[in-house]
Amino acid sequence: MKHKKLLQLDKEDEELLLDELRDYMSDELDIDIGNLPTKLLLDYMVNLIGPKIYDQAIEDSEPWLYDRFTSILEDLSVLKKD
């Protein structure tokens, strides 16, 4: 059974990233790589750092969510009739 990736790029975004990665490799490292090696490198990088970025985004949102839900609970308590 194949597992779904944590981060799934749509085709348009993936193509843009592949172009950017090929340009970077060419401009900065003077290495011209083809489509398949670029795709394999992108997939590796996404699998390597994707979960870390995802977890960091969750952690970064926790304080905002805590404040927001606290505010909502305070608003609800004002609406009580007792």
PDB file of N, CA and C in Angstrom:
ATOM      1  N   MET A   1       0.835  -1.181   0.000  1.00  0.00           N
ATOM      2  CA  MET A   1       0.000   0.000   0.000  1.00  0.00           C
ATOM      3  C   MET A   1       0.885   1.251   0.000  1.00  0.00           C
ATOM      4  N   LYS A   2       0.634   2.161  -0.900  1.00  0.00           N
ATOM      5  CA  LYS A   2       1.431   3.375  -1.017  1.00  0.00           C
ATOM      6  C   LYS A   2       0.904   4.431  -0.048  1.00  0.00           C
ATOM      7  N   HIS A   3       1.826   5.050   0.690  1.00  0.00           N
ATOM      8  CA  HIS A   3       1.452   6.090   1.641  1.00  0.00           C
ATOM      9  C   HIS A   3       1.379   7.433   0.934  1.00  0.00           C
ATOM     10  N   LYS A   4       0.385   8.234   1.324  1.00  0.00           N
ATOM     11  CA  LYS A   4       0.260   9.578   0.774  1.00  0.00           C
ATOM     12  C   LYS A   4       1.344  10.463   1.392  1.00  0.00           C
ATOM     13  N   LYS A   5       1.954  11.278   0.556  1.00  0.00           N
ATOM     14  CA  LYS A   5       2.992  12.191   1.031  1.00  0.00           C
ATOM     15  C   LYS A   5       2.386  13.233   1.952  1.00  0.00           C
ATOM     16  N   LEU A   6       3.174  13.673   2.932  1.00  0.00           N
ATOM     17  CA  LEU A   6       2.733  14.728   3.837  1.00  0.00           C
ATOM     18  C   LEU A   6       2.489  16.016   3.057  1.00  0.00           C
ATOM     19  N   LEU A   7       3.375  16.308   2.140  1.00  0.00           N
ATOM     20  CA  LEU A   7       3.271  17.523   1.335  1.00  0.00           C
ATOM     21  C   LEU A   7       3.100  17.117  -0.118  1.00  0.00           C
ATOM     22  N   GLN A   8       1.952  17.417  -0.678  1.00  0.00           N
ATOM     23  CA  GLN A   8       1.655  17.074  -2.060  1.00  0.00           C
ATOM     24  C   GLN A   8       1.595  18.355  -2.884  1.00  0.00           C
ATOM     25  N   LEU A   9       2.499  18.499  -3.814  1.00  0.00           N
ATOM     26  CA  LEU A   9       2.535  19.680  -4.667  1.00  0.00           C
ATOM     27  C   LEU A   9       1.630  19.471  -5.872  1.00  0.00           C
ATOM     28  N   ASP A  10       0.917  20.527  -6.269  1.00  0.00           N
ATOM     29  CA  ASP A  10       0.148  20.376  -7.502  1.00  0.00           C
ATOM     30  C   ASP A  10       1.128  20.485  -8.674  1.00  0.00           C
ATOM     31  N   LYS A  11       0.682  20.025  -9.825  1.00  0.00           N
ATOM     32  CA  LYS A  11       1.558  19.894 -10.992  1.00  0.00           C
ATOM     33  C   LYS A  11       2.208  21.225 -11.383  1.00  0.00           C
ATOM     34  N   GLU A  12       1.435  22.305 -11.347  1.00  0.00           N
ATOM     35  CA  GLU A  12       1.959  23.612 -11.740  1.00  0.00           C
ATOM     36  C   GLU A  12       3.057  24.086 -10.783  1.00  0.00           C
ATOM     37  N   ASP A  13       2.814  23.942  -9.476  1.00  0.00           N
ATOM     38  CA  ASP A  13       3.823  24.338  -8.488  1.00  0.00           C
ATOM     39  C   ASP A  13       5.076  23.476  -8.608  1.00  0.00           C
ATOM     40  N   GLU A  14       4.865  22.183  -8.820  1.00  0.00           N
ATOM     41  CA  GLU A  14       6.014  21.282  -8.954  1.00  0.00           C
ATOM     42  C   GLU A  14       6.863  21.664 -10.160  1.00  0.00           C
ATOM     43  N   GLU A  15       6.226  21.942 -11.281  1.00  0.00           N
ATOM     44  CA  GLU A  15       6.966  22.336 -12.487  1.00  0.00           C
ATOM     45  C   GLU A  15       7.761  23.623 -12.254  1.00  0.00           C
ATOM     46  N   LEU A  16       7.146  24.575 -11.571  1.00  0.00           N
ATOM     47  CA  LEU A  16       7.830  25.832 -11.263  1.00  0.00           C
ATOM     48  C   LEU A  16       9.048  25.574 -10.374  1.00  0.00           C
ATOM     49  N   LEU A  17       8.876  24.744  -9.354  1.00  0.00           N
ATOM     50  CA  LEU A  17       9.994  24.424  -8.461  1.00  0.00           C
ATOM     51  C   LEU A  17      11.101  23.662  -9.186  1.00  0.00           C
ATOM     52  N   LEU A  18      10.718  22.762 -10.065  1.00  0.00           N
ATOM     53  CA  LEU A  18      11.726  22.033 -10.844  1.00  0.00           C
ATOM     54  C   LEU A  18      12.530  22.978 -11.717  1.00  0.00           C
ATOM     55  N   ASP A  19      11.855  23.929 -12.357  1.00  0.00           N
ATOM     56  CA  ASP A  19      12.559  24.928 -13.173  1.00  0.00           C
ATOM     57  C   ASP A  19      13.503  25.758 -12.307  1.00  0.00           C
ATOM     58  N   GLU A  20      13.018  26.195 -11.148  1.00  0.00           N
ATOM     59  CA  GLU A  20      13.848  26.993 -10.239  1.00  0.00           C
ATOM     60  C   GLU A  20      15.066  26.194  -9.759  1.00  0.00           C
ATOM     61  N   LEU A  21      14.854  24.940  -9.439  1.00  0.00           N
ATOM     62  CA  LEU A  21      15.953  24.093  -8.961  1.00  0.00           C
ATOM     63  C   LEU A  21      16.987  23.858 -10.057  1.00  0.00           C
ATOM     64  N   ARG A  22      16.530  23.606 -11.282  1.00  0.00           N
ATOM     65  CA  ARG A  22      17.468  23.446 -12.403  1.00  0.00           C
ATOM     66  C   ARG A  22      18.257  24.729 -12.633  1.00  0.00           C
ATOM     67  N   ASP A  23      17.566  25.880 -12.574  1.00  0.00           N
ATOM     68  CA  ASP A  23      18.254  27.167 -12.741  1.00  0.00           C
ATOM     69  C   ASP A  23      19.277  27.389 -11.639  1.00  0.00           C
ATOM     70  N   TYR A  24      18.917  27.080 -10.401  1.00  0.00           N
ATOM     71  CA  TYR A  24      19.839  27.246  -9.287  1.00  0.00           C
ATOM     72  C   TYR A  24      21.083  26.384  -9.476  1.00  0.00           C
ATOM     73  N   MET A  25      20.857  25.116  -9.807  1.00  0.00           N
ATOM     74  CA  MET A  25      21.989  24.202  -9.990  1.00  0.00           C
ATOM     75  C   MET A  25      22.914  24.699 -11.099  1.00  0.00           C
ATOM     76  N   SER A  26      22.325  25.233 -12.148  1.00  0.00           N
ATOM     77  CA  SER A  26      23.115  25.727 -13.266  1.00  0.00           C
ATOM     78  C   SER A  26      23.850  27.017 -12.908  1.00  0.00           C
ATOM     79  N   ASP A  27      23.134  27.973 -12.320  1.00  0.00           N
ATOM     80  CA  ASP A  27      23.718  29.280 -12.035  1.00  0.00           C
ATOM     81  C   ASP A  27      24.724  29.251 -10.888  1.00  0.00           C
ATOM     82  N   GLU A  28      24.373  28.584  -9.809  1.00  0.00           N
ATOM     83  CA  GLU A  28      25.198  28.620  -8.599  1.00  0.00           C
ATOM     84  C   GLU A  28      26.273  27.540  -8.553  1.00  0.00           C
ATOM     85  N   LEU A  29      25.980  26.380  -9.125  1.00  0.00           N
ATOM     86  CA  LEU A  29      26.920  25.266  -9.024  1.00  0.00           C
ATOM     87  C   LEU A  29      27.511  24.858 -10.366  1.00  0.00           C
ATOM     88  N   ASP A  30      27.060  25.530 -11.424  1.00  0.00           N
ATOM     89  CA  ASP A  30      27.525  25.224 -12.777  1.00  0.00           C
ATOM     90  C   ASP A  30      27.322  23.749 -13.123  1.00  0.00           C
ATOM     91  N   ILE A  31      26.157  23.225 -12.728  1.00  0.00           N
ATOM     92  CA  ILE A  31      25.798  21.836 -12.997  1.00  0.00           C
ATOM     93  C   ILE A  31      24.473  21.835 -13.760  1.00  0.00           C
ATOM     94  N   ASP A  32      24.465  21.216 -14.916  1.00  0.00           N
ATOM     95  CA  ASP A  32      23.238  21.064 -15.686  1.00  0.00           C
ATOM     96  C   ASP A  32      22.698  19.662 -15.444  1.00  0.00           C
ATOM     97  N   ILE A  33      21.520  19.596 -14.850  1.00  0.00           N
ATOM     98  CA  ILE A  33      20.910  18.289 -14.605  1.00  0.00           C
ATOM     99  C   ILE A  33      19.597  18.197 -15.357  1.00  0.00           C
ATOM    100  N   GLY A  34      19.245  16.996 -15.713  1.00  0.00           N
ATOM    101  CA  GLY A  34      18.035  16.760 -16.490  1.00  0.00           C
ATOM    102  C   GLY A  34      16.791  16.724 -15.627  1.00  0.00           C
ATOM    103  N   ASN A  35      15.684  16.405 -16.275  1.00  0.00           N
ATOM    104  CA  ASN A  35      14.388  16.402 -15.603  1.00  0.00           C
ATOM    105  C   ASN A  35      14.302  15.349 -14.505  1.00  0.00           C
ATOM    106  N   LEU A  36      14.707  14.120 -14.790  1.00  0.00           N
ATOM    107  CA  LEU A  36      14.577  13.056 -13.808  1.00  0.00           C
ATOM    108  C   LEU A  36      15.444  13.304 -12.572  1.00  0.00           C
ATOM    109  N   PRO A  37      16.734  13.630 -12.722  1.00  0.00           N
ATOM    110  CA  PRO A  37      17.525  13.917 -11.514  1.00  0.00           C
ATOM    111  C   PRO A  37      16.967  15.091 -10.707  1.00  0.00           C
ATOM    112  N   THR A  38      16.447  16.102 -11.403  1.00  0.00           N
ATOM    113  CA  THR A  38      15.870  17.253 -10.709  1.00  0.00           C
ATOM    114  C   THR A  38      14.633  16.828  -9.924  1.00  0.00           C
ATOM    115  N   LYS A  39      13.788  16.000 -10.532  1.00  0.00           N
ATOM    116  CA  LYS A  39      12.581  15.496  -9.859  1.00  0.00           C
ATOM    117  C   LYS A  39      12.962  14.655  -8.649  1.00  0.00           C
ATOM    118  N   LEU A  40      13.951  13.797  -8.784  1.00  0.00           N
ATOM    119  CA  LEU A  40      14.395  12.965  -7.661  1.00  0.00           C
ATOM    120  C   LEU A  40      14.963  13.827  -6.536  1.00  0.00           C
ATOM    121  N   LEU A  41      15.726  14.857  -6.882  1.00  0.00           N
ATOM    122  CA  LEU A  41      16.278  15.758  -5.882  1.00  0.00           C
ATOM    123  C   LEU A  41      15.174  16.529  -5.167  1.00  0.00           C
ATOM    124  N   LEU A  42      14.205  17.032  -5.915  1.00  0.00           N
ATOM    125  CA  LEU A  42      13.093  17.752  -5.302  1.00  0.00           C
ATOM    126  C   LEU A  42      12.304  16.839  -4.367  1.00  0.00           C
ATOM    127  N   ASP A  43      11.993  15.632  -4.822  1.00  0.00           N
ATOM    128  CA  ASP A  43      11.259  14.684  -3.975  1.00  0.00           C
ATOM    129  C   ASP A  43      12.036  14.385  -2.695  1.00  0.00           C
ATOM    130  N   TYR A  44      13.339  14.208  -2.817  1.00  0.00           N
ATOM    131  CA  TYR A  44      14.171  13.945  -1.646  1.00  0.00           C
ATOM    132  C   TYR A  44      14.130  15.122  -0.677  1.00  0.00           C
ATOM    133  N   MET A  45      14.277  16.327  -1.201  1.00  0.00           N
ATOM    134  CA  MET A  45      14.283  17.515  -0.351  1.00  0.00           C
ATOM    135  C   MET A  45      12.932  17.706   0.335  1.00  0.00           C
ATOM    136  N   VAL A  46      11.845  17.500  -0.403  1.00  0.00           N
ATOM    137  CA  VAL A  46      10.506  17.643   0.181  1.00  0.00           C
ATOM    138  C   VAL A  46      10.313  16.622   1.293  1.00  0.00           C
ATOM    139  N   ASN A  47      10.724  15.369   1.047  1.00  0.00           N
ATOM    140  CA  ASN A  47      10.582  14.329   2.069  1.00  0.00           C
ATOM    141  C   ASN A  47      11.486  14.582   3.266  1.00  0.00           C
ATOM    142  N   LEU A  48      12.640  15.187   3.031  1.00  0.00           N
ATOM    143  CA  LEU A  48      13.596  15.444   4.101  1.00  0.00           C
ATOM    144  C   LEU A  48      13.174  16.618   4.974  1.00  0.00           C
ATOM    145  N   ILE A  49      12.836  17.743   4.352  1.00  0.00           N
ATOM    146  CA  ILE A  49      12.549  18.942   5.142  1.00  0.00           C
ATOM    147  C   ILE A  49      11.067  19.255   5.266  1.00  0.00           C
ATOM    148  N   GLY A  50      10.235  18.655   4.416  1.00  0.00           N
ATOM    149  CA  GLY A  50       8.802  18.917   4.452  1.00  0.00           C
ATOM    150  C   GLY A  50       8.178  18.705   5.820  1.00  0.00           C
ATOM    151  N   PRO A  51       8.412  17.541   6.460  1.00  0.00           N
ATOM    152  CA  PRO A  51       7.825  17.318   7.788  1.00  0.00           C
ATOM    153  C   PRO A  51       8.308  18.319   8.834  1.00  0.00           C
ATOM    154  N   LYS A  52       9.546  18.734   8.746  1.00  0.00           N
ATOM    155  CA  LYS A  52      10.078  19.707   9.708  1.00  0.00           C
ATOM    156  C   LYS A  52       9.417  21.074   9.523  1.00  0.00           C
ATOM    157  N   ILE A  53       9.235  21.488   8.283  1.00  0.00           N
ATOM    158  CA  ILE A  53       8.570  22.760   8.005  1.00  0.00           C
ATOM    159  C   ILE A  53       7.111  22.689   8.421  1.00  0.00           C
ATOM    160  N   TYR A  54       6.465  21.573   8.150  1.00  0.00           N
ATOM    161  CA  TYR A  54       5.068  21.373   8.538  1.00  0.00           C
ATOM    162  C   TYR A  54       4.914  21.474  10.050  1.00  0.00           C
ATOM    163  N   ASP A  55       5.773  20.749  10.788  1.00  0.00           N
ATOM    164  CA  ASP A  55       5.706  20.785  12.250  1.00  0.00           C
ATOM    165  C   ASP A  55       5.969  22.187  12.790  1.00  0.00           C
ATOM    166  N   GLN A  56       6.915  22.906  12.174  1.00  0.00           N
ATOM    167  CA  GLN A  56       7.216  24.264  12.618  1.00  0.00           C
ATOM    168  C   GLN A  56       6.022  25.177  12.383  1.00  0.00           C
ATOM    169  N   ALA A  57       5.340  25.000  11.261  1.00  0.00           N
ATOM    170  CA  ALA A  57       4.150  25.811  10.978  1.00  0.00           C
ATOM    171  C   ALA A  57       3.059  25.548  12.017  1.00  0.00           C
ATOM    172  N   ILE A  58       2.894  24.294  12.419  1.00  0.00           N
ATOM    173  CA  ILE A  58       1.919  23.955  13.452  1.00  0.00           C
ATOM    174  C   ILE A  58       2.305  24.627  14.767  1.00  0.00           C
ATOM    175  N   GLU A  59       3.576  24.508  15.140  1.00  0.00           N
ATOM    176  CA  GLU A  59       4.043  25.133  16.381  1.00  0.00           C
ATOM    177  C   GLU A  59       3.873  26.649  16.339  1.00  0.00           C
ATOM    178  N   ASP A  60       4.159  27.252  15.202  1.00  0.00           N
ATOM    179  CA  ASP A  60       4.035  28.703  15.073  1.00  0.00           C
ATOM    180  C   ASP A  60       2.582  29.161  15.188  1.00  0.00           C
ATOM    181  N   SER A  61       1.645  28.311  14.788  1.00  0.00           N
ATOM    182  CA  SER A  61       0.233  28.699  14.831  1.00  0.00           C
ATOM    183  C   SER A  61      -0.387  28.500  16.215  1.00  0.00           C
ATOM    184  N   GLU A  62       0.228  27.697  17.073  1.00  0.00           N
ATOM    185  CA  GLU A  62      -0.361  27.392  18.378  1.00  0.00           C
ATOM    186  C   GLU A  62      -0.624  28.628  19.241  1.00  0.00           C
ATOM    187  N   PRO A  63       0.323  29.549  19.402  1.00  0.00           N
ATOM    188  CA  PRO A  63       0.025  30.732  20.231  1.00  0.00           C
ATOM    189  C   PRO A  63      -1.126  31.564  19.669  1.00  0.00           C
ATOM    190  N   TRP A  64      -1.187  31.740  18.362  1.00  0.00           N
ATOM    191  CA  TRP A  64      -2.268  32.499  17.747  1.00  0.00           C
ATOM    192  C   TRP A  64      -3.598  31.804  18.005  1.00  0.00           C
ATOM    193  N   LEU A  65      -3.630  30.476  17.804  1.00  0.00           N
ATOM    194  CA  LEU A  65      -4.866  29.733  18.032  1.00  0.00           C
ATOM    195  C   LEU A  65      -5.295  29.795  19.497  1.00  0.00           C
ATOM    196  N   TYR A  66      -4.331  29.686  20.393  1.00  0.00           N
ATOM    197  CA  TYR A  66      -4.648  29.760  21.825  1.00  0.00           C
ATOM    198  C   TYR A  66      -5.304  31.106  22.144  1.00  0.00           C
ATOM    199  N   ASP A  67      -4.697  32.187  21.681  1.00  0.00           N
ATOM    200  CA  ASP A  67      -5.257  33.527  21.920  1.00  0.00           C
ATOM    201  C   ASP A  67      -6.636  33.672  21.286  1.00  0.00           C
ATOM    202  N   ARG A  68      -6.778  33.163  20.082  1.00  0.00           N
ATOM    203  CA  ARG A  68      -8.062  33.288  19.376  1.00  0.00           C
ATOM    204  C   ARG A  68      -9.160  32.510  20.088  1.00  0.00           C
ATOM    205  N   PHE A  69      -8.871  31.271  20.476  1.00  0.00           N
ATOM    206  CA  PHE A  69      -9.890  30.463  21.152  1.00  0.00           C
ATOM    207  C   PHE A  69     -10.211  31.011  22.540  1.00  0.00           C
ATOM    208  N   THR A  70      -9.223  31.550  23.207  1.00  0.00           N
ATOM    209  CA  THR A  70      -9.475  32.183  24.505  1.00  0.00           C
ATOM    210  C   THR A  70     -10.417  33.360  24.328  1.00  0.00           C
ATOM    211  N   SER A  71     -10.192  34.143  23.311  1.00  0.00           N
ATOM    212  CA  SER A  71     -11.059  35.286  23.022  1.00  0.00           C
ATOM    213  C   SER A  71     -12.483  34.829  22.700  1.00  0.00           C
ATOM    214  N   ILE A  72     -12.607  33.770  21.935  1.00  0.00           N
ATOM    215  CA  ILE A  72     -13.938  33.237  21.598  1.00  0.00           C
ATOM    216  C   ILE A  72     -14.644  32.749  22.852  1.00  0.00           C
ATOM    217  N   LEU A  73     -13.929  32.054  23.731  1.00  0.00           N
ATOM    218  CA  LEU A  73     -14.530  31.575  24.976  1.00  0.00           C
ATOM    219  C   LEU A  73     -14.980  32.737  25.856  1.00  0.00           C
ATOM    220  N   GLU A  74     -14.186  33.795  25.887  1.00  0.00           N
ATOM    221  CA  GLU A  74     -14.586  34.985  26.650  1.00  0.00           C
ATOM    222  C   GLU A  74     -15.834  35.607  26.055  1.00  0.00           C
ATOM    223  N   ASP A  75     -15.900  35.685  24.725  1.00  0.00           N
ATOM    224  CA  ASP A  75     -17.097  36.231  24.075  1.00  0.00           C
ATOM    225  C   ASP A  75     -18.327  35.382  24.384  1.00  0.00           C
ATOM    226  N   LEU A  76     -18.172  34.076  24.390  1.00  0.00           N
ATOM    227  CA  LEU A  76     -19.291  33.185  24.691  1.00  0.00           C
ATOM    228  C   LEU A  76     -19.770  33.353  26.122  1.00  0.00           C
ATOM    229  N   SER A  77     -18.837  33.550  27.044  1.00  0.00           N
ATOM    230  CA  SER A  77     -19.244  33.678  28.431  1.00  0.00           C
ATOM    231  C   SER A  77     -20.074  34.944  28.663  1.00  0.00           C
ATOM    232  N   VAL A  78     -19.822  35.973  27.885  1.00  0.00           N
ATOM    233  CA  VAL A  78     -20.585  37.209  27.975  1.00  0.00           C
ATOM    234  C   VAL A  78     -22.038  36.974  27.530  1.00  0.00           C
ATOM    235  N   LEU A  79     -22.246  36.030  26.644  1.00  0.00           N
ATOM    236  CA  LEU A  79     -23.581  35.759  26.118  1.00  0.00           C
ATOM    237  C   LEU A  79     -24.458  34.926  27.070  1.00  0.00           C
ATOM    238  N   LYS A  80     -23.868  34.365  28.090  1.00  0.00           N
ATOM    239  CA  LYS A  80     -24.639  33.525  29.024  1.00  0.00           C
ATOM    240  C   LYS A  80     -25.709  34.359  29.715  1.00  0.00           C
ATOM    241  N   LYS A  81     -26.836  33.726  29.989  1.00  0.00           N
ATOM    242  CA  LYS A  81     -27.970  34.420  30.604  1.00  0.00           C
ATOM    243  C   LYS A  81     -27.988  34.286  32.115  1.00  0.00           C
ATOM    244  N   ASP A  82     -27.131  33.494  32.715  1.00  0.00           N
ATOM    245  CA  ASP A  82     -27.188  33.310  34.165  1.00  0.00           C
ATOM    246  C   ASP A  82     -26.378  34.302  34.948  1.00  0.00           C
TER     247      ASP A  82
END
